[in-house]
Amino acid sequence: MVGREVSPADHQDKEIREVLKRLVAAGWALRKEGHWGRLYCSCPGGGCLTIPVPGTAKNPGRTARNIARRAKLCPLPEDDPRRSFGAGVVV
């Protein structure tokens, strides 16, 4: 992972900020990279899945849904507590 950790609260769009808050609470790492940031899943070894987070999305609602949809692709088993959308976390 490259870049410093950033807070989901630093994002300017409310819809994207809410998805980022839920994912970070579930164990994902949010780092300053690229145009705004990048999410790293909580898999051992630095994350098997990364998701770019744009700073200025043309359609923030759609971008937030796409980030949540991509987060569900993490290959951890359904019963693994590190899985981002398990353990009661709604993405």
PDB file of N, CA and C in Angstrom:
ATOM      1  N   MET A   1       0.840  -1.173   0.000  1.00  0.00           N
ATOM      2  CA  MET A   1       0.000   0.000   0.000  1.00  0.00           C
ATOM      3  C   MET A   1       0.887   1.238   0.000  1.00  0.00           C
ATOM      4  N   VAL A   2       0.475   2.191  -0.767  1.00  0.00           N
ATOM      5  CA  VAL A   2       1.234   3.425  -0.921  1.00  0.00           C
ATOM      6  C   VAL A   2       0.375   4.571  -0.403  1.00  0.00           C
ATOM      7  N   GLY A   3       1.001   5.668  -0.041  1.00  0.00           N
ATOM      8  CA  GLY A   3       0.247   6.849   0.369  1.00  0.00           C
ATOM      9  C   GLY A   3      -0.161   6.804   1.829  1.00  0.00           C
ATOM     10  N   ARG A   4      -0.556   7.963   2.315  1.00  0.00           N
ATOM     11  CA  ARG A   4      -0.968   8.055   3.714  1.00  0.00           C
ATOM     12  C   ARG A   4      -2.442   7.687   3.843  1.00  0.00           C
ATOM     13  N   GLU A   5      -2.816   7.255   5.044  1.00  0.00           N
ATOM     14  CA  GLU A   5      -4.222   6.947   5.276  1.00  0.00           C
ATOM     15  C   GLU A   5      -5.016   8.246   5.321  1.00  0.00           C
ATOM     16  N   VAL A   6      -6.200   8.200   4.755  1.00  0.00           N
ATOM     17  CA  VAL A   6      -7.093   9.358   4.795  1.00  0.00           C
ATOM     18  C   VAL A   6      -8.403   8.936   5.435  1.00  0.00           C
ATOM     19  N   SER A   7      -9.141   9.891   5.905  1.00  0.00           N
ATOM     20  CA  SER A   7     -10.423   9.638   6.541  1.00  0.00           C
ATOM     21  C   SER A   7     -11.537   9.717   5.498  1.00  0.00           C
ATOM     22  N   PRO A   8     -12.551   8.866   5.615  1.00  0.00           N
ATOM     23  CA  PRO A   8     -13.695   8.987   4.708  1.00  0.00           C
ATOM     24  C   PRO A   8     -14.352  10.362   4.799  1.00  0.00           C
ATOM     25  N   ALA A   9     -14.257  11.001   5.953  1.00  0.00           N
ATOM     26  CA  ALA A   9     -14.863  12.324   6.139  1.00  0.00           C
ATOM     27  C   ALA A   9     -14.209  13.384   5.262  1.00  0.00           C
ATOM     28  N   ASP A  10     -13.030  13.087   4.722  1.00  0.00           N
ATOM     29  CA  ASP A  10     -12.340  14.044   3.855  1.00  0.00           C
ATOM     30  C   ASP A  10     -12.950  14.126   2.458  1.00  0.00           C
ATOM     31  N   HIS A  11     -13.795  13.165   2.093  1.00  0.00           N
ATOM     32  CA  HIS A  11     -14.367  13.177   0.743  1.00  0.00           C
ATOM     33  C   HIS A  11     -15.484  14.202   0.671  1.00  0.00           C
ATOM     34  N   GLN A  12     -15.583  14.890  -0.460  1.00  0.00           N
ATOM     35  CA  GLN A  12     -16.539  15.995  -0.593  1.00  0.00           C
ATOM     36  C   GLN A  12     -17.973  15.556  -0.893  1.00  0.00           C
ATOM     37  N   ASP A  13     -18.175  14.366  -1.454  1.00  0.00           N
ATOM     38  CA  ASP A  13     -19.523  13.923  -1.822  1.00  0.00           C
ATOM     39  C   ASP A  13     -20.134  13.059  -0.723  1.00  0.00           C
ATOM     40  N   LYS A  14     -21.342  13.423  -0.293  1.00  0.00           N
ATOM     41  CA  LYS A  14     -21.998  12.750   0.826  1.00  0.00           C
ATOM     42  C   LYS A  14     -22.218  11.261   0.563  1.00  0.00           C
ATOM     43  N   GLU A  15     -22.711  10.904  -0.622  1.00  0.00           N
ATOM     44  CA  GLU A  15     -23.014   9.502  -0.920  1.00  0.00           C
ATOM     45  C   GLU A  15     -21.755   8.641  -0.875  1.00  0.00           C
ATOM     46  N   ILE A  16     -20.689   9.129  -1.478  1.00  0.00           N
ATOM     47  CA  ILE A  16     -19.423   8.389  -1.494  1.00  0.00           C
ATOM     48  C   ILE A  16     -18.855   8.327  -0.082  1.00  0.00           C
ATOM     49  N   ARG A  17     -18.949   9.425   0.652  1.00  0.00           N
ATOM     50  CA  ARG A  17     -18.438   9.482   2.023  1.00  0.00           C
ATOM     51  C   ARG A  17     -19.109   8.425   2.905  1.00  0.00           C
ATOM     52  N   GLU A  18     -20.420   8.233   2.757  1.00  0.00           N
ATOM     53  CA  GLU A  18     -21.140   7.249   3.572  1.00  0.00           C
ATOM     54  C   GLU A  18     -20.678   5.822   3.266  1.00  0.00           C
ATOM     55  N   VAL A  19     -20.490   5.495   1.989  1.00  0.00           N
ATOM     56  CA  VAL A  19     -20.004   4.159   1.617  1.00  0.00           C
ATOM     57  C   VAL A  19     -18.592   3.955   2.151  1.00  0.00           C
ATOM     58  N   LEU A  20     -17.750   4.971   2.029  1.00  0.00           N
ATOM     59  CA  LEU A  20     -16.374   4.867   2.527  1.00  0.00           C
ATOM     60  C   LEU A  20     -16.354   4.652   4.035  1.00  0.00           C
ATOM     61  N   LYS A  21     -17.230   5.347   4.767  1.00  0.00           N
ATOM     62  CA  LYS A  21     -17.291   5.176   6.224  1.00  0.00           C
ATOM     63  C   LYS A  21     -17.630   3.739   6.591  1.00  0.00           C
ATOM     64  N   ARG A  22     -18.621   3.157   5.903  1.00  0.00           N
ATOM     65  CA  ARG A  22     -19.014   1.774   6.203  1.00  0.00           C
ATOM     66  C   ARG A  22     -17.896   0.794   5.887  1.00  0.00           C
ATOM     67  N   LEU A  23     -17.205   0.998   4.764  1.00  0.00           N
ATOM     68  CA  LEU A  23     -16.134   0.077   4.383  1.00  0.00           C
ATOM     69  C   LEU A  23     -14.932   0.189   5.317  1.00  0.00           C
ATOM     70  N   VAL A  24     -14.555   1.399   5.690  1.00  0.00           N
ATOM     71  CA  VAL A  24     -13.426   1.574   6.611  1.00  0.00           C
ATOM     72  C   VAL A  24     -13.773   0.973   7.976  1.00  0.00           C
ATOM     73  N   ALA A  25     -15.022   1.138   8.424  1.00  0.00           N
ATOM     74  CA  ALA A  25     -15.445   0.533   9.693  1.00  0.00           C
ATOM     75  C   ALA A  25     -15.389  -0.989   9.624  1.00  0.00           C
ATOM     76  N   ALA A  26     -15.533  -1.540   8.411  1.00  0.00           N
ATOM     77  CA  ALA A  26     -15.502  -2.990   8.227  1.00  0.00           C
ATOM     78  C   ALA A  26     -14.085  -3.517   8.034  1.00  0.00           C
ATOM     79  N   GLY A  27     -13.091  -2.634   8.067  1.00  0.00           N
ATOM     80  CA  GLY A  27     -11.714  -3.097   7.987  1.00  0.00           C
ATOM     81  C   GLY A  27     -10.959  -2.730   6.727  1.00  0.00           C
ATOM     82  N   TRP A  28     -11.599  -2.095   5.775  1.00  0.00           N
ATOM     83  CA  TRP A  28     -10.904  -1.675   4.558  1.00  0.00           C
ATOM     84  C   TRP A  28      -9.971  -0.513   4.897  1.00  0.00           C
ATOM     85  N   ALA A  29      -8.883  -0.397   4.156  1.00  0.00           N
ATOM     86  CA  ALA A  29      -7.942   0.713   4.332  1.00  0.00           C
ATOM     87  C   ALA A  29      -8.169   1.719   3.211  1.00  0.00           C
ATOM     88  N   LEU A  30      -8.223   2.993   3.562  1.00  0.00           N
ATOM     89  CA  LEU A  30      -8.406   4.067   2.590  1.00  0.00           C
ATOM     90  C   LEU A  30      -7.132   4.896   2.584  1.00  0.00           C
ATOM     91  N   ARG A  31      -6.477   4.945   1.426  1.00  0.00           N
ATOM     92  CA  ARG A  31      -5.196   5.645   1.309  1.00  0.00           C
ATOM     93  C   ARG A  31      -5.259   6.698   0.212  1.00  0.00           C
ATOM     94  N   LYS A  32      -4.463   7.749   0.403  1.00  0.00           N
ATOM     95  CA  LYS A  32      -4.360   8.826  -0.583  1.00  0.00           C
ATOM     96  C   LYS A  32      -3.516   8.328  -1.747  1.00  0.00           C
ATOM     97  N   GLU A  33      -4.141   8.138  -2.888  1.00  0.00           N
ATOM     98  CA  GLU A  33      -3.469   7.671  -4.105  1.00  0.00           C
ATOM     99  C   GLU A  33      -4.251   8.154  -5.307  1.00  0.00           C
ATOM    100  N   GLY A  34      -3.597   8.248  -6.434  1.00  0.00           N
ATOM    101  CA  GLY A  34      -4.270   8.610  -7.679  1.00  0.00           C
ATOM    102  C   GLY A  34      -4.914   9.980  -7.589  1.00  0.00           C
ATOM    103  N   HIS A  35      -6.128  10.093  -8.130  1.00  0.00           N
ATOM    104  CA  HIS A  35      -6.807  11.385  -8.153  1.00  0.00           C
ATOM    105  C   HIS A  35      -7.353  11.773  -6.788  1.00  0.00           C
ATOM    106  N   TRP A  36      -7.771  10.817  -5.990  1.00  0.00           N
ATOM    107  CA  TRP A  36      -8.195  11.125  -4.624  1.00  0.00           C
ATOM    108  C   TRP A  36      -7.742  10.050  -3.652  1.00  0.00           C
ATOM    109  N   GLY A  37      -8.124   8.802  -3.920  1.00  0.00           N
ATOM    110  CA  GLY A  37      -7.763   7.744  -2.987  1.00  0.00           C
ATOM    111  C   GLY A  37      -8.000   6.365  -3.560  1.00  0.00           C
ATOM    112  N   ARG A  38      -7.655   5.368  -2.758  1.00  0.00           N
ATOM    113  CA  ARG A  38      -7.832   3.971  -3.148  1.00  0.00           C
ATOM    114  C   ARG A  38      -8.176   3.169  -1.905  1.00  0.00           C
ATOM    115  N   LEU A  39      -9.165   2.276  -2.044  1.00  0.00           N
ATOM    116  CA  LEU A  39      -9.565   1.368  -0.971  1.00  0.00           C
ATOM    117  C   LEU A  39      -8.835   0.042  -1.138  1.00  0.00           C
ATOM    118  N   TYR A  40      -8.368  -0.512  -0.024  1.00  0.00           N
ATOM    119  CA  TYR A  40      -7.733  -1.830  -0.007  1.00  0.00           C
ATOM    120  C   TYR A  40      -8.553  -2.730   0.900  1.00  0.00           C
ATOM    121  N   CYS A  41      -8.909  -3.920   0.405  1.00  0.00           N
ATOM    122  CA  CYS A  41      -9.716  -4.824   1.225  1.00  0.00           C
ATOM    123  C   CYS A  41      -8.891  -5.349   2.391  1.00  0.00           C
ATOM    124  N   SER A  42      -9.564  -6.003   3.317  1.00  0.00           N
ATOM    125  CA  SER A  42      -8.933  -6.433   4.563  1.00  0.00           C
ATOM    126  C   SER A  42      -8.339  -7.833   4.479  1.00  0.00           C
ATOM    127  N   CYS A  43      -8.133  -8.357   3.289  1.00  0.00           N
ATOM    128  CA  CYS A  43      -7.508  -9.676   3.148  1.00  0.00           C
ATOM    129  C   CYS A  43      -6.076  -9.623   3.676  1.00  0.00           C
ATOM    130  N   PRO A  44      -5.564 -10.737   4.187  1.00  0.00           N
ATOM    131  CA  PRO A  44      -4.178 -10.752   4.650  1.00  0.00           C
ATOM    132  C   PRO A  44      -3.223 -10.452   3.494  1.00  0.00           C
ATOM    133  N   GLY A  45      -2.113  -9.822   3.810  1.00  0.00           N
ATOM    134  CA  GLY A  45      -1.110  -9.548   2.791  1.00  0.00           C
ATOM    135  C   GLY A  45      -1.334  -8.256   2.029  1.00  0.00           C
ATOM    136  N   GLY A  46      -2.067  -7.334   2.582  1.00  0.00           N
ATOM    137  CA  GLY A  46      -2.199  -6.030   1.946  1.00  0.00           C
ATOM    138  C   GLY A  46      -3.409  -5.858   1.058  1.00  0.00           C
ATOM    139  N   GLY A  47      -4.247  -6.831   0.982  1.00  0.00           N
ATOM    140  CA  GLY A  47      -5.476  -6.669   0.218  1.00  0.00           C
ATOM    141  C   GLY A  47      -5.427  -7.318  -1.142  1.00  0.00           C
ATOM    142  N   CYS A  48      -6.419  -8.118  -1.418  1.00  0.00           N
ATOM    143  CA  CYS A  48      -6.496  -8.795  -2.707  1.00  0.00           C
ATOM    144  C   CYS A  48      -7.293  -7.969  -3.704  1.00  0.00           C
ATOM    145  N   LEU A  49      -8.004  -6.966  -3.207  1.00  0.00           N
ATOM    146  CA  LEU A  49      -8.871  -6.165  -4.058  1.00  0.00           C
ATOM    147  C   LEU A  49      -8.632  -4.693  -3.740  1.00  0.00           C
ATOM    148  N   THR A  50      -8.458  -3.893  -4.774  1.00  0.00           N
ATOM    149  CA  THR A  50      -8.334  -2.448  -4.579  1.00  0.00           C
ATOM    150  C   THR A  50      -9.391  -1.753  -5.429  1.00  0.00           C
ATOM    151  N   ILE A  51      -9.904  -0.657  -4.904  1.00  0.00           N
ATOM    152  CA  ILE A  51     -10.952   0.098  -5.589  1.00  0.00           C
ATOM    153  C   ILE A  51     -10.530   1.563  -5.648  1.00  0.00           C
ATOM    154  N   PRO A  52     -10.405   2.136  -6.854  1.00  0.00           N
ATOM    155  CA  PRO A  52     -10.083   3.561  -6.935  1.00  0.00           C
ATOM    156  C   PRO A  52     -11.283   4.407  -6.501  1.00  0.00           C
ATOM    157  N   VAL A  53     -11.004   5.495  -5.810  1.00  0.00           N
ATOM    158  CA  VAL A  53     -12.050   6.405  -5.347  1.00  0.00           C
ATOM    159  C   VAL A  53     -11.794   7.766  -5.992  1.00  0.00           C
ATOM    160  N   PRO A  54     -12.680   8.200  -6.893  1.00  0.00           N
ATOM    161  CA  PRO A  54     -12.474   9.497  -7.543  1.00  0.00           C
ATOM    162  C   PRO A  54     -12.780  10.651  -6.594  1.00  0.00           C
ATOM    163  N   GLY A  55     -12.107  11.757  -6.796  1.00  0.00           N
ATOM    164  CA  GLY A  55     -12.334  12.935  -5.965  1.00  0.00           C
ATOM    165  C   GLY A  55     -13.557  13.722  -6.389  1.00  0.00           C
ATOM    166  N   THR A  56     -13.779  13.812  -7.693  1.00  0.00           N
ATOM    167  CA  THR A  56     -14.930  14.546  -8.214  1.00  0.00           C
ATOM    168  C   THR A  56     -15.656  13.646  -9.206  1.00  0.00           C
ATOM    169  N   ALA A  57     -16.669  12.980  -8.724  1.00  0.00           N
ATOM    170  CA  ALA A  57     -17.437  12.070  -9.566  1.00  0.00           C
ATOM    171  C   ALA A  57     -18.522  12.849 -10.310  1.00  0.00           C
ATOM    172  N   LYS A  58     -18.768  12.476 -11.566  1.00  0.00           N
ATOM    173  CA  LYS A  58     -19.837  13.131 -12.328  1.00  0.00           C
ATOM    174  C   LYS A  58     -21.194  12.825 -11.711  1.00  0.00           C
ATOM    175  N   ASN A  59     -21.365  11.587 -11.246  1.00  0.00           N
ATOM    176  CA  ASN A  59     -22.609  11.165 -10.625  1.00  0.00           C
ATOM    177  C   ASN A  59     -22.251  10.478  -9.304  1.00  0.00           C
ATOM    178  N   PRO A  60     -22.235  11.219  -8.185  1.00  0.00           N
ATOM    179  CA  PRO A  60     -21.794  10.653  -6.911  1.00  0.00           C
ATOM    180  C   PRO A  60     -22.605   9.446  -6.442  1.00  0.00           C
ATOM    181  N   GLY A  61     -23.907   9.456  -6.675  1.00  0.00           N
ATOM    182  CA  GLY A  61     -24.738   8.324  -6.264  1.00  0.00           C
ATOM    183  C   GLY A  61     -24.356   7.047  -6.981  1.00  0.00           C
ATOM    184  N   ARG A  62     -24.162   7.140  -8.281  1.00  0.00           N
ATOM    185  CA  ARG A  62     -23.773   5.967  -9.063  1.00  0.00           C
ATOM    186  C   ARG A  62     -22.370   5.500  -8.673  1.00  0.00           C
ATOM    187  N   THR A  63     -21.469   6.445  -8.459  1.00  0.00           N
ATOM    188  CA  THR A  63     -20.109   6.091  -8.061  1.00  0.00           C
ATOM    189  C   THR A  63     -20.115   5.380  -6.711  1.00  0.00           C
ATOM    190  N   ALA A  64     -20.929   5.854  -5.768  1.00  0.00           N
ATOM    191  CA  ALA A  64     -21.029   5.210  -4.456  1.00  0.00           C
ATOM    192  C   ALA A  64     -21.553   3.784  -4.596  1.00  0.00           C
ATOM    193  N   ARG A  65     -22.569   3.593  -5.432  1.00  0.00           N
ATOM    194  CA  ARG A  65     -23.104   2.237  -5.655  1.00  0.00           C
ATOM    195  C   ARG A  65     -22.062   1.337  -6.301  1.00  0.00           C
ATOM    196  N   ASN A  66     -21.291   1.875  -7.242  1.00  0.00           N
ATOM    197  CA  ASN A  66     -20.250   1.079  -7.902  1.00  0.00           C
ATOM    198  C   ASN A  66     -19.155   0.677  -6.920  1.00  0.00           C
ATOM    199  N   ILE A  67     -18.777   1.567  -6.017  1.00  0.00           N
ATOM    200  CA  ILE A  67     -17.769   1.233  -5.008  1.00  0.00           C
ATOM    201  C   ILE A  67     -18.296   0.112  -4.116  1.00  0.00           C
ATOM    202  N   ALA A  68     -19.543   0.231  -3.663  1.00  0.00           N
ATOM    203  CA  ALA A  68     -20.135  -0.807  -2.814  1.00  0.00           C
ATOM    204  C   ALA A  68     -20.234  -2.133  -3.563  1.00  0.00           C
ATOM    205  N   ARG A  69     -20.611  -2.079  -4.834  1.00  0.00           N
ATOM    206  CA  ARG A  69     -20.734  -3.303  -5.639  1.00  0.00           C
ATOM    207  C   ARG A  69     -19.381  -3.975  -5.797  1.00  0.00           C
ATOM    208  N   ARG A  70     -18.349  -3.196  -6.077  1.00  0.00           N
ATOM    209  CA  ARG A  70     -17.009  -3.774  -6.239  1.00  0.00           C
ATOM    210  C   ARG A  70     -16.485  -4.333  -4.927  1.00  0.00           C
ATOM    211  N   ALA A  71     -16.862  -3.722  -3.800  1.00  0.00           N
ATOM    212  CA  ALA A  71     -16.412  -4.216  -2.494  1.00  0.00           C
ATOM    213  C   ALA A  71     -16.959  -5.614  -2.223  1.00  0.00           C
ATOM    214  N   LYS A  72     -18.118  -5.916  -2.775  1.00  0.00           N
ATOM    215  CA  LYS A  72     -18.707  -7.244  -2.573  1.00  0.00           C
ATOM    216  C   LYS A  72     -17.966  -8.338  -3.330  1.00  0.00           C
ATOM    217  N   LEU A  73     -17.023  -7.977  -4.180  1.00  0.00           N
ATOM    218  CA  LEU A  73     -16.267  -8.965  -4.953  1.00  0.00           C
ATOM    219  C   LEU A  73     -15.079  -9.536  -4.183  1.00  0.00           C
ATOM    220  N   CYS A  74     -14.851  -9.083  -2.969  1.00  0.00           N
ATOM    221  CA  CYS A  74     -13.743  -9.599  -2.160  1.00  0.00           C
ATOM    222  C   CYS A  74     -13.927 -11.108  -2.010  1.00  0.00           C
ATOM    223  N   PRO A  75     -12.885 -11.906  -2.306  1.00  0.00           N
ATOM    224  CA  PRO A  75     -13.048 -13.361  -2.340  1.00  0.00           C
ATOM    225  C   PRO A  75     -13.001 -14.069  -0.990  1.00  0.00           C
ATOM    226  N   LEU A  76     -13.004 -13.353   0.121  1.00  0.00           N
ATOM    227  CA  LEU A  76     -13.014 -14.035   1.410  1.00  0.00           C
ATOM    228  C   LEU A  76     -14.301 -14.845   1.553  1.00  0.00           C
ATOM    229  N   PRO A  77     -14.249 -15.983   2.240  1.00  0.00           N
ATOM    230  CA  PRO A  77     -15.463 -16.785   2.435  1.00  0.00           C
ATOM    231  C   PRO A  77     -16.539 -15.991   3.184  1.00  0.00           C
ATOM    232  N   GLU A  78     -17.782 -16.357   2.960  1.00  0.00           N
ATOM    233  CA  GLU A  78     -18.915 -15.642   3.560  1.00  0.00           C
ATOM    234  C   GLU A  78     -18.835 -15.593   5.082  1.00  0.00           C
ATOM    235  N   ASP A  79     -18.305 -16.653   5.713  1.00  0.00           N
ATOM    236  CA  ASP A  79     -18.280 -16.708   7.171  1.00  0.00           C
ATOM    237  C   ASP A  79     -17.021 -16.088   7.778  1.00  0.00           C
ATOM    238  N   ASP A  80     -16.120 -15.559   6.971  1.00  0.00           N
ATOM    239  CA  ASP A  80     -14.894 -14.946   7.480  1.00  0.00           C
ATOM    240  C   ASP A  80     -15.228 -13.588   8.092  1.00  0.00           C
ATOM    241  N   PRO A  81     -14.855 -13.348   9.351  1.00  0.00           N
ATOM    242  CA  PRO A  81     -15.208 -12.070   9.989  1.00  0.00           C
ATOM    243  C   PRO A  81     -14.526 -10.858   9.360  1.00  0.00           C
ATOM    244  N   ARG A  82     -13.464 -11.072   8.568  1.00  0.00           N
ATOM    245  CA  ARG A  82     -12.788  -9.947   7.917  1.00  0.00           C
ATOM    246  C   ARG A  82     -13.502  -9.505   6.655  1.00  0.00           C
ATOM    247  N   ARG A  83     -14.473 -10.278   6.196  1.00  0.00           N
ATOM    248  CA  ARG A  83     -15.178  -9.923   4.970  1.00  0.00           C
ATOM    249  C   ARG A  83     -15.928  -8.616   5.184  1.00  0.00           C
ATOM    250  N   SER A  84     -15.805  -7.702   4.248  1.00  0.00           N
ATOM    251  CA  SER A  84     -16.279  -6.337   4.446  1.00  0.00           C
ATOM    252  C   SER A  84     -17.787  -6.218   4.609  1.00  0.00           C
ATOM    253  N   PHE A  85     -18.554  -7.071   3.964  1.00  0.00           N
ATOM    254  CA  PHE A  85     -20.000  -6.904   4.062  1.00  0.00           C
ATOM    255  C   PHE A  85     -20.624  -7.988   4.915  1.00  0.00           C
ATOM    256  N   GLY A  86     -19.810  -8.671   5.710  1.00  0.00           N
ATOM    257  CA  GLY A  86     -20.308  -9.638   6.684  1.00  0.00           C
ATOM    258  C   GLY A  86     -20.402  -8.968   8.039  1.00  0.00           C
ATOM    259  N   ALA A  87     -20.688  -9.740   9.043  1.00  0.00           N
ATOM    260  CA  ALA A  87     -20.691  -9.279  10.437  1.00  0.00           C
ATOM    261  C   ALA A  87     -21.590  -8.068  10.653  1.00  0.00           C
ATOM    262  N   GLY A  88     -22.700  -8.015   9.954  1.00  0.00           N
ATOM    263  CA  GLY A  88     -23.670  -6.958  10.185  1.00  0.00           C
ATOM    264  C   GLY A  88     -23.365  -5.628   9.522  1.00  0.00           C
ATOM    265  N   VAL A  89     -22.331  -5.554   8.721  1.00  0.00           N
ATOM    266  CA  VAL A  89     -22.013  -4.296   8.040  1.00  0.00           C
ATOM    267  C   VAL A  89     -22.777  -4.266   6.730  1.00  0.00           C
ATOM    268  N   VAL A  90     -23.588  -3.250   6.551  1.00  0.00           N
ATOM    269  CA  VAL A  90     -24.369  -3.119   5.331  1.00  0.00           C
ATOM    270  C   VAL A  90     -23.614  -2.222   4.376  1.00  0.00           C
ATOM    271  N   VAL A  91     -23.354  -2.737   3.177  1.00  0.00           N
ATOM    272  CA  VAL A  91     -22.610  -1.951   2.188  1.00  0.00           C
ATOM    273  C   VAL A  91     -23.555  -1.321   1.219  1.00  0.00           C
TER     274      VAL A  91
END
